[in-house]
Amino acid sequence: IVLPGIAAVILAPDLAKPDEAYPTMMRLLPPGLLG
């Protein structure tokens, strides 16, 4: 729960709100795994 948020600093540095970090990281998932 913390590491994906830190990773978002590199992968999504311009988020409007910090709480968008985890849902944004879920976009990396392919279909099936995302589900």
Full PDB file with SEQRES, HELIX, SHEET, SSBOND, CRYST1, ORIGX, SCALE, CONECT and MASTER records, all heavy atoms in Angstrom:
SEQRES   1 A   35  ILE VAL LEU PRO GLY ILE ALA ALA VAL ILE LEU ALA PRO          
SEQRES   2 A   35  ASP LEU ALA LYS PRO ASP GLU ALA TYR PRO THR MET MET          
SEQRES   3 A   35  ARG LEU LEU PRO PRO GLY LEU LEU GLY                          
HELIX    1 AA1 LEU A    3  LEU A   11  1                                   9    
HELIX    2 AA2 PRO A   18  GLU A   20  5                                   3    
HELIX    3 AA3 ALA A   21  MET A   25  1                                   5    
HELIX    4 AA4 MET A   26  LEU A   28  5                                   3    
CRYST1    1.000    1.000    1.000  90.00  90.00  90.00 P 1           1          
ORIGX1      1.000000  0.000000  0.000000        0.00000                         
ORIGX2      0.000000  1.000000  0.000000        0.00000                         
ORIGX3      0.000000  0.000000  1.000000        0.00000                         
SCALE1      1.000000  0.000000  0.000000        0.00000                         
SCALE2      0.000000  1.000000  0.000000        0.00000                         
SCALE3      0.000000  0.000000  1.000000        0.00000                         
ATOM      1  N   ILE A   1       0.782  -1.236   0.000  1.00  0.00           N  
ATOM      2  CA  ILE A   1       0.000   0.000   0.000  1.00  0.00           C  
ATOM      3  C   ILE A   1       0.814   1.285   0.000  1.00  0.00           C  
ATOM      4  O   ILE A   1       0.258   2.350  -0.296  1.00  0.00           O  
ATOM      5  CB  ILE A   1      -0.989   0.025   1.192  1.00  0.00           C  
ATOM      6  CG1 ILE A   1      -0.233  -0.086   2.520  1.00  0.00           C  
ATOM      7  CG2 ILE A   1      -2.023  -1.068   1.052  1.00  0.00           C  
ATOM      8  CD1 ILE A   1      -1.159  -0.069   3.726  1.00  0.00           C  
ATOM      9  N   VAL A   2       2.101   1.235   0.328  1.00  0.00           N  
ATOM     10  CA  VAL A   2       2.919   2.458   0.320  1.00  0.00           C  
ATOM     11  C   VAL A   2       3.802   2.518  -0.923  1.00  0.00           C  
ATOM     12  O   VAL A   2       3.921   3.567  -1.566  1.00  0.00           O  
ATOM     13  CB  VAL A   2       3.784   2.554   1.596  1.00  0.00           C  
ATOM     14  CG1 VAL A   2       4.666   3.805   1.548  1.00  0.00           C  
ATOM     15  CG2 VAL A   2       2.901   2.579   2.835  1.00  0.00           C  
ATOM     16  N   LEU A   3       4.417   1.390  -1.275  1.00  0.00           N  
ATOM     17  CA  LEU A   3       5.341   1.365  -2.407  1.00  0.00           C  
ATOM     18  C   LEU A   3       4.705   1.835  -3.721  1.00  0.00           C  
ATOM     19  O   LEU A   3       5.338   2.603  -4.460  1.00  0.00           O  
ATOM     20  CB  LEU A   3       5.924  -0.039  -2.553  1.00  0.00           C  
ATOM     21  CG  LEU A   3       7.141  -0.181  -3.487  1.00  0.00           C  
ATOM     22  CD1 LEU A   3       8.273   0.733  -3.035  1.00  0.00           C  
ATOM     23  CD2 LEU A   3       7.603  -1.631  -3.531  1.00  0.00           C  
ATOM     24  N   PRO A   4       3.461   1.432  -4.060  1.00  0.00           N  
ATOM     25  CA  PRO A   4       2.868   1.964  -5.294  1.00  0.00           C  
ATOM     26  C   PRO A   4       2.738   3.483  -5.288  1.00  0.00           C  
ATOM     27  O   PRO A   4       2.887   4.122  -6.338  1.00  0.00           O  
ATOM     28  CB  PRO A   4       1.488   1.281  -5.336  1.00  0.00           C  
ATOM     29  CG  PRO A   4       1.678   0.013  -4.577  1.00  0.00           C  
ATOM     30  CD  PRO A   4       2.616   0.369  -3.468  1.00  0.00           C  
ATOM     31  N   GLY A   5       2.466   4.083  -4.120  1.00  0.00           N  
ATOM     32  CA  GLY A   5       2.386   5.535  -4.039  1.00  0.00           C  
ATOM     33  C   GLY A   5       3.726   6.200  -4.295  1.00  0.00           C  
ATOM     34  O   GLY A   5       3.807   7.233  -4.972  1.00  0.00           O  
ATOM     35  N   ILE A   6       4.804   5.609  -3.754  1.00  0.00           N  
ATOM     36  CA  ILE A   6       6.137   6.153  -3.999  1.00  0.00           C  
ATOM     37  C   ILE A   6       6.503   5.995  -5.475  1.00  0.00           C  
ATOM     38  O   ILE A   6       7.084   6.903  -6.091  1.00  0.00           O  
ATOM     39  CB  ILE A   6       7.176   5.458  -3.104  1.00  0.00           C  
ATOM     40  CG1 ILE A   6       6.830   5.656  -1.626  1.00  0.00           C  
ATOM     41  CG2 ILE A   6       8.570   5.995  -3.391  1.00  0.00           C  
ATOM     42  CD1 ILE A   6       7.744   4.920  -0.669  1.00  0.00           C  
ATOM     43  N   ALA A   7       6.157   4.844  -6.060  1.00  0.00           N  
ATOM     44  CA  ALA A   7       6.431   4.622  -7.483  1.00  0.00           C  
ATOM     45  C   ALA A   7       5.727   5.655  -8.353  1.00  0.00           C  
ATOM     46  O   ALA A   7       6.250   6.066  -9.401  1.00  0.00           O  
ATOM     47  CB  ALA A   7       6.006   3.212  -7.878  1.00  0.00           C  
ATOM     48  N   ALA A   8       4.559   6.097  -7.922  1.00  0.00           N  
ATOM     49  CA  ALA A   8       3.808   7.090  -8.700  1.00  0.00           C  
ATOM     50  C   ALA A   8       4.530   8.425  -8.775  1.00  0.00           C  
ATOM     51  O   ALA A   8       4.272   9.229  -9.685  1.00  0.00           O  
ATOM     52  CB  ALA A   8       2.416   7.273  -8.088  1.00  0.00           C  
ATOM     53  N   VAL A   9       5.431   8.687  -7.832  1.00  0.00           N  
ATOM     54  CA  VAL A   9       6.227   9.924  -7.893  1.00  0.00           C  
ATOM     55  C   VAL A   9       7.026   9.967  -9.191  1.00  0.00           C  
ATOM     56  O   VAL A   9       7.219  11.029  -9.791  1.00  0.00           O  
ATOM     57  CB  VAL A   9       7.175  10.013  -6.667  1.00  0.00           C  
ATOM     58  CG1 VAL A   9       8.117  11.198  -6.794  1.00  0.00           C  
ATOM     59  CG2 VAL A   9       6.372  10.089  -5.392  1.00  0.00           C  
ATOM     60  N   ILE A  10       7.484   8.796  -9.648  1.00  0.00           N  
ATOM     61  CA  ILE A  10       8.253   8.714 -10.897  1.00  0.00           C  
ATOM     62  C   ILE A  10       7.340   8.515 -12.095  1.00  0.00           C  
ATOM     63  O   ILE A  10       7.522   9.144 -13.137  1.00  0.00           O  
ATOM     64  CB  ILE A  10       9.271   7.551 -10.820  1.00  0.00           C  
ATOM     65  CG1 ILE A  10      10.154   7.692  -9.589  1.00  0.00           C  
ATOM     66  CG2 ILE A  10      10.101   7.479 -12.095  1.00  0.00           C  
ATOM     67  CD1 ILE A  10      10.927   8.985  -9.497  1.00  0.00           C  
ATOM     68  N   LEU A  11       6.347   7.667 -11.944  1.00  0.00           N  
ATOM     69  CA  LEU A  11       5.513   7.290 -13.084  1.00  0.00           C  
ATOM     70  C   LEU A  11       4.372   8.272 -13.354  1.00  0.00           C  
ATOM     71  O   LEU A  11       3.860   8.324 -14.477  1.00  0.00           O  
ATOM     72  CB  LEU A  11       4.939   5.882 -12.856  1.00  0.00           C  
ATOM     73  CG  LEU A  11       5.965   4.755 -12.723  1.00  0.00           C  
ATOM     74  CD1 LEU A  11       5.270   3.441 -12.390  1.00  0.00           C  
ATOM     75  CD2 LEU A  11       6.780   4.619 -14.001  1.00  0.00           C  
ATOM     76  N   ALA A  12       3.957   9.025 -12.357  1.00  0.00           N  
ATOM     77  CA  ALA A  12       2.857   9.993 -12.525  1.00  0.00           C  
ATOM     78  C   ALA A  12       3.125  11.207 -11.643  1.00  0.00           C  
ATOM     79  O   ALA A  12       2.444  11.417 -10.640  1.00  0.00           O  
ATOM     80  CB  ALA A  12       1.528   9.339 -12.173  1.00  0.00           C  
ATOM     81  N   PRO A  13       4.119  12.006 -11.968  1.00  0.00           N  
ATOM     82  CA  PRO A  13       4.546  13.088 -11.075  1.00  0.00           C  
ATOM     83  C   PRO A  13       3.596  14.277 -10.983  1.00  0.00           C  
ATOM     84  O   PRO A  13       3.787  15.138 -10.119  1.00  0.00           O  
ATOM     85  CB  PRO A  13       5.883  13.513 -11.685  1.00  0.00           C  
ATOM     86  CG  PRO A  13       5.766  13.157 -13.136  1.00  0.00           C  
ATOM     87  CD  PRO A  13       4.943  11.911 -13.183  1.00  0.00           C  
ATOM     88  N   ASP A  14       2.596  14.345 -11.826  1.00  0.00           N  
ATOM     89  CA  ASP A  14       1.745  15.538 -11.876  1.00  0.00           C  
ATOM     90  C   ASP A  14       0.301  15.263 -11.446  1.00  0.00           C  
ATOM     91  O   ASP A  14      -0.643  15.850 -11.990  1.00  0.00           O  
ATOM     92  CB  ASP A  14       1.752  16.129 -13.295  1.00  0.00           C  
ATOM     93  CG  ASP A  14       3.147  16.531 -13.728  1.00  0.00           C  
ATOM     94  OD1 ASP A  14       3.872  17.124 -12.903  1.00  0.00           O  
ATOM     95  OD2 ASP A  14       3.514  16.242 -14.886  1.00  0.00           O  
ATOM     96  N   LEU A  15       0.102  14.403 -10.479  1.00  0.00           N  
ATOM     97  CA  LEU A  15      -1.253  14.102 -10.017  1.00  0.00           C  
ATOM     98  C   LEU A  15      -1.879  15.327  -9.342  1.00  0.00           C  
ATOM     99  O   LEU A  15      -1.198  16.097  -8.660  1.00  0.00           O  
ATOM    100  CB  LEU A  15      -1.232  12.941  -9.024  1.00  0.00           C  
ATOM    101  CG  LEU A  15      -0.806  11.568  -9.572  1.00  0.00           C  
ATOM    102  CD1 LEU A  15      -0.820  10.541  -8.450  1.00  0.00           C  
ATOM    103  CD2 LEU A  15      -1.728  11.124 -10.705  1.00  0.00           C  
ATOM    104  N   ALA A  16      -3.196  15.480  -9.525  1.00  0.00           N  
ATOM    105  CA  ALA A  16      -3.894  16.604  -8.908  1.00  0.00           C  
ATOM    106  C   ALA A  16      -3.975  16.437  -7.394  1.00  0.00           C  
ATOM    107  O   ALA A  16      -3.858  17.409  -6.630  1.00  0.00           O  
ATOM    108  CB  ALA A  16      -5.299  16.732  -9.497  1.00  0.00           C  
ATOM    109  N   LYS A  17      -4.188  15.210  -6.936  1.00  0.00           N  
ATOM    110  CA  LYS A  17      -4.262  14.899  -5.507  1.00  0.00           C  
ATOM    111  C   LYS A  17      -3.437  13.657  -5.214  1.00  0.00           C  
ATOM    112  O   LYS A  17      -3.432  12.714  -6.019  1.00  0.00           O  
ATOM    113  CB  LYS A  17      -5.719  14.639  -5.070  1.00  0.00           C  
ATOM    114  CG  LYS A  17      -6.552  15.876  -4.832  1.00  0.00           C  
ATOM    115  CD  LYS A  17      -7.905  15.469  -4.225  1.00  0.00           C  
ATOM    116  CE  LYS A  17      -8.721  16.676  -3.821  1.00  0.00           C  
ATOM    117  NZ  LYS A  17      -9.975  16.283  -3.125  1.00  0.00           N  
ATOM    118  N   PRO A  18      -2.756  13.621  -4.069  1.00  0.00           N  
ATOM    119  CA  PRO A  18      -1.983  12.417  -3.722  1.00  0.00           C  
ATOM    120  C   PRO A  18      -2.837  11.152  -3.693  1.00  0.00           C  
ATOM    121  O   PRO A  18      -2.348  10.075  -4.054  1.00  0.00           O  
ATOM    122  CB  PRO A  18      -1.429  12.753  -2.333  1.00  0.00           C  
ATOM    123  CG  PRO A  18      -1.352  14.231  -2.289  1.00  0.00           C  
ATOM    124  CD  PRO A  18      -2.537  14.705  -3.083  1.00  0.00           C  
ATOM    125  N   ASP A  19      -4.117  11.268  -3.274  1.00  0.00           N  
ATOM    126  CA  ASP A  19      -4.960  10.086  -3.166  1.00  0.00           C  
ATOM    127  C   ASP A  19      -5.297   9.446  -4.512  1.00  0.00           C  
ATOM    128  O   ASP A  19      -5.927   8.397  -4.563  1.00  0.00           O  
ATOM    129  CB  ASP A  19      -6.261  10.428  -2.426  1.00  0.00           C  
ATOM    130  CG  ASP A  19      -6.040  10.591  -0.929  1.00  0.00           C  
ATOM    131  OD1 ASP A  19      -5.000  10.122  -0.432  1.00  0.00           O  
ATOM    132  OD2 ASP A  19      -6.904  11.196  -0.255  1.00  0.00           O  
ATOM    133  N   GLU A  20      -4.866  10.082  -5.620  1.00  0.00           N  
ATOM    134  CA  GLU A  20      -5.072   9.486  -6.944  1.00  0.00           C  
ATOM    135  C   GLU A  20      -3.947   8.519  -7.318  1.00  0.00           C  
ATOM    136  O   GLU A  20      -4.000   7.884  -8.369  1.00  0.00           O  
ATOM    137  CB  GLU A  20      -5.153  10.591  -8.007  1.00  0.00           C  
ATOM    138  CG  GLU A  20      -6.368  11.501  -7.858  1.00  0.00           C  
ATOM    139  CD  GLU A  20      -6.381  12.612  -8.901  1.00  0.00           C  
ATOM    140  OE1 GLU A  20      -5.448  12.646  -9.735  1.00  0.00           O  
ATOM    141  OE2 GLU A  20      -7.301  13.434  -8.870  1.00  0.00           O  
ATOM    142  N   ALA A  21      -2.928   8.389  -6.439  1.00  0.00           N  
ATOM    143  CA  ALA A  21      -1.731   7.613  -6.792  1.00  0.00           C  
ATOM    144  C   ALA A  21      -2.055   6.150  -7.070  1.00  0.00           C  
ATOM    145  O   ALA A  21      -1.653   5.594  -8.107  1.00  0.00           O  
ATOM    146  CB  ALA A  21      -0.689   7.735  -5.683  1.00  0.00           C  
ATOM    147  N   TYR A  22      -2.745   5.486  -6.149  1.00  0.00           N  
ATOM    148  CA  TYR A  22      -2.982   4.049  -6.308  1.00  0.00           C  
ATOM    149  C   TYR A  22      -3.867   3.746  -7.511  1.00  0.00           C  
ATOM    150  O   TYR A  22      -3.518   2.863  -8.321  1.00  0.00           O  
ATOM    151  CB  TYR A  22      -3.587   3.473  -5.029  1.00  0.00           C  
ATOM    152  CG  TYR A  22      -3.559   1.957  -4.980  1.00  0.00           C  
ATOM    153  CD1 TYR A  22      -2.441   1.283  -4.483  1.00  0.00           C  
ATOM    154  CD2 TYR A  22      -4.629   1.198  -5.434  1.00  0.00           C  
ATOM    155  CE1 TYR A  22      -2.392  -0.109  -4.444  1.00  0.00           C  
ATOM    156  CE2 TYR A  22      -4.597  -0.193  -5.402  1.00  0.00           C  
ATOM    157  CZ  TYR A  22      -3.473  -0.835  -4.901  1.00  0.00           C  
ATOM    158  OH  TYR A  22      -3.423  -2.207  -4.872  1.00  0.00           O  
ATOM    159  N   PRO A  23      -5.014   4.428  -7.668  1.00  0.00           N  
ATOM    160  CA  PRO A  23      -5.821   4.147  -8.864  1.00  0.00           C  
ATOM    161  C   PRO A  23      -5.048   4.399 -10.159  1.00  0.00           C  
ATOM    162  O   PRO A  23      -5.232   3.675 -11.142  1.00  0.00           O  
ATOM    163  CB  PRO A  23      -7.008   5.113  -8.721  1.00  0.00           C  
ATOM    164  CG  PRO A  23      -7.109   5.370  -7.258  1.00  0.00           C  
ATOM    165  CD  PRO A  23      -5.697   5.373  -6.763  1.00  0.00           C  
ATOM    166  N   THR A  24      -4.170   5.421 -10.154  1.00  0.00           N  
ATOM    167  CA  THR A  24      -3.381   5.707 -11.353  1.00  0.00           C  
ATOM    168  C   THR A  24      -2.418   4.569 -11.656  1.00  0.00           C  
ATOM    169  O   THR A  24      -2.209   4.197 -12.820  1.00  0.00           O  
ATOM    170  CB  THR A  24      -2.607   7.023 -11.173  1.00  0.00           C  
ATOM    171  OG1 THR A  24      -3.526   8.085 -10.920  1.00  0.00           O  
ATOM    172  CG2 THR A  24      -1.804   7.353 -12.426  1.00  0.00           C  
ATOM    173  N   MET A  25      -1.807   3.996 -10.636  1.00  0.00           N  
ATOM    174  CA  MET A  25      -0.878   2.883 -10.845  1.00  0.00           C  
ATOM    175  C   MET A  25      -1.598   1.642 -11.378  1.00  0.00           C  
ATOM    176  O   MET A  25      -0.986   0.801 -12.045  1.00  0.00           O  
ATOM    177  CB  MET A  25      -0.148   2.544  -9.546  1.00  0.00           C  
ATOM    178  CG  MET A  25       0.837   3.599  -9.078  1.00  0.00           C  
ATOM    179  SD  MET A  25       2.166   3.971 -10.280  1.00  0.00           S  
ATOM    180  CE  MET A  25       1.469   5.363 -11.187  1.00  0.00           C  
ATOM    181  N   MET A  26      -2.875   1.536 -11.100  1.00  0.00           N  
ATOM    182  CA  MET A  26      -3.630   0.390 -11.605  1.00  0.00           C  
ATOM    183  C   MET A  26      -3.754   0.424 -13.127  1.00  0.00           C  
ATOM    184  O   MET A  26      -4.038  -0.597 -13.753  1.00  0.00           O  
ATOM    185  CB  MET A  26      -5.010   0.337 -10.951  1.00  0.00           C  
ATOM    186  CG  MET A  26      -4.968  -0.002  -9.463  1.00  0.00           C  
ATOM    187  SD  MET A  26      -6.601  -0.038  -8.677  1.00  0.00           S  
ATOM    188  CE  MET A  26      -7.320  -1.488  -9.442  1.00  0.00           C  
ATOM    189  N   ARG A  27      -3.517   1.589 -13.726  1.00  0.00           N  
ATOM    190  CA  ARG A  27      -3.602   1.690 -15.181  1.00  0.00           C  
ATOM    191  C   ARG A  27      -2.498   0.903 -15.882  1.00  0.00           C  
ATOM    192  O   ARG A  27      -2.582   0.663 -17.094  1.00  0.00           O  
ATOM    193  CB  ARG A  27      -3.522   3.158 -15.601  1.00  0.00           C  
ATOM    194  CG  ARG A  27      -4.703   3.989 -15.137  1.00  0.00           C  
ATOM    195  CD  ARG A  27      -4.518   5.448 -15.476  1.00  0.00           C  
ATOM    196  NE  ARG A  27      -5.619   6.258 -14.952  1.00  0.00           N  
ATOM    197  CZ  ARG A  27      -5.641   7.581 -14.954  1.00  0.00           C  
ATOM    198  NH1 ARG A  27      -4.622   8.254 -15.458  1.00  0.00           N  
ATOM    199  NH2 ARG A  27      -6.671   8.234 -14.452  1.00  0.00           N  
ATOM    200  N   LEU A  28      -1.470   0.534 -15.130  1.00  0.00           N  
ATOM    201  CA  LEU A  28      -0.382  -0.256 -15.717  1.00  0.00           C  
ATOM    202  C   LEU A  28      -0.790  -1.704 -15.970  1.00  0.00           C  
ATOM    203  O   LEU A  28      -0.100  -2.422 -16.690  1.00  0.00           O  
ATOM    204  CB  LEU A  28       0.840  -0.236 -14.791  1.00  0.00           C  
ATOM    205  CG  LEU A  28       1.484   1.117 -14.500  1.00  0.00           C  
ATOM    206  CD1 LEU A  28       2.563   0.969 -13.439  1.00  0.00           C  
ATOM    207  CD2 LEU A  28       2.062   1.711 -15.781  1.00  0.00           C  
ATOM    208  N   LEU A  29      -1.894  -2.111 -15.364  1.00  0.00           N  
ATOM    209  CA  LEU A  29      -2.276  -3.521 -15.414  1.00  0.00           C  
ATOM    210  C   LEU A  29      -2.954  -3.878 -16.736  1.00  0.00           C  
ATOM    211  O   LEU A  29      -3.797  -3.132 -17.231  1.00  0.00           O  
ATOM    212  CB  LEU A  29      -3.226  -3.848 -14.265  1.00  0.00           C  
ATOM    213  CG  LEU A  29      -2.651  -3.685 -12.857  1.00  0.00           C  
ATOM    214  CD1 LEU A  29      -3.763  -3.757 -11.823  1.00  0.00           C  
ATOM    215  CD2 LEU A  29      -1.612  -4.756 -12.575  1.00  0.00           C  
ATOM    216  N   PRO A  30      -2.619  -5.030 -17.299  1.00  0.00           N  
ATOM    217  CA  PRO A  30      -3.304  -5.493 -18.503  1.00  0.00           C  
ATOM    218  C   PRO A  30      -4.683  -6.045 -18.150  1.00  0.00           C  
ATOM    219  O   PRO A  30      -4.965  -6.349 -16.988  1.00  0.00           O  
ATOM    220  CB  PRO A  30      -2.380  -6.606 -19.008  1.00  0.00           C  
ATOM    221  CG  PRO A  30      -1.722  -7.134 -17.774  1.00  0.00           C  
ATOM    222  CD  PRO A  30      -1.538  -5.942 -16.877  1.00  0.00           C  
ATOM    223  N   PRO A  31      -5.573  -6.186 -19.136  1.00  0.00           N  
ATOM    224  CA  PRO A  31      -6.893  -6.767 -18.878  1.00  0.00           C  
ATOM    225  C   PRO A  31      -6.764  -8.140 -18.221  1.00  0.00           C  
ATOM    226  O   PRO A  31      -5.865  -8.909 -18.526  1.00  0.00           O  
ATOM    227  CB  PRO A  31      -7.498  -6.862 -20.283  1.00  0.00           C  
ATOM    228  CG  PRO A  31      -6.826  -5.774 -21.056  1.00  0.00           C  
ATOM    229  CD  PRO A  31      -5.424  -5.731 -20.535  1.00  0.00           C  
ATOM    230  N   GLY A  32      -7.658  -8.438 -17.343  1.00  0.00           N  
ATOM    231  CA  GLY A  32      -7.599  -9.685 -16.589  1.00  0.00           C  
ATOM    232  C   GLY A  32      -6.937  -9.456 -15.252  1.00  0.00           C  
ATOM    233  O   GLY A  32      -7.565  -9.620 -14.202  1.00  0.00           O  
ATOM    234  N   LEU A  33      -5.668  -9.020 -15.272  1.00  0.00           N  
ATOM    235  CA  LEU A  33      -4.990  -8.671 -14.028  1.00  0.00           C  
ATOM    236  C   LEU A  33      -5.620  -7.439 -13.396  1.00  0.00           C  
ATOM    237  O   LEU A  33      -5.715  -7.339 -12.172  1.00  0.00           O  
ATOM    238  CB  LEU A  33      -3.494  -8.425 -14.277  1.00  0.00           C  
ATOM    239  CG  LEU A  33      -2.584  -9.645 -14.306  1.00  0.00           C  
ATOM    240  CD1 LEU A  33      -1.140  -9.226 -14.526  1.00  0.00           C  
ATOM    241  CD2 LEU A  33      -2.715 -10.438 -13.009  1.00  0.00           C  
ATOM    242  N   LEU A  34      -6.038  -6.494 -14.240  1.00  0.00           N  
ATOM    243  CA  LEU A  34      -6.722  -5.316 -13.711  1.00  0.00           C  
ATOM    244  C   LEU A  34      -7.983  -5.742 -12.969  1.00  0.00           C  
ATOM    245  O   LEU A  34      -8.277  -5.241 -11.879  1.00  0.00           O  
ATOM    246  CB  LEU A  34      -7.079  -4.354 -14.840  1.00  0.00           C  
ATOM    247  CG  LEU A  34      -7.922  -3.131 -14.439  1.00  0.00           C  
ATOM    248  CD1 LEU A  34      -7.198  -2.301 -13.387  1.00  0.00           C  
ATOM    249  CD2 LEU A  34      -8.247  -2.272 -15.661  1.00  0.00           C  
ATOM    250  N   GLY A  35      -8.733  -6.670 -13.518  1.00  0.00           N  
ATOM    251  CA  GLY A  35      -9.941  -7.145 -12.857  1.00  0.00           C  
ATOM    252  C   GLY A  35      -9.627  -7.796 -11.524  1.00  0.00           C  
ATOM    253  O   GLY A  35     -10.334  -7.607 -10.530  1.00  0.00           O  
TER     254      GLY A  35                                                      
MASTER        0    0    0    4    0    0    0    6  253    1    0    3          
END                                                                             
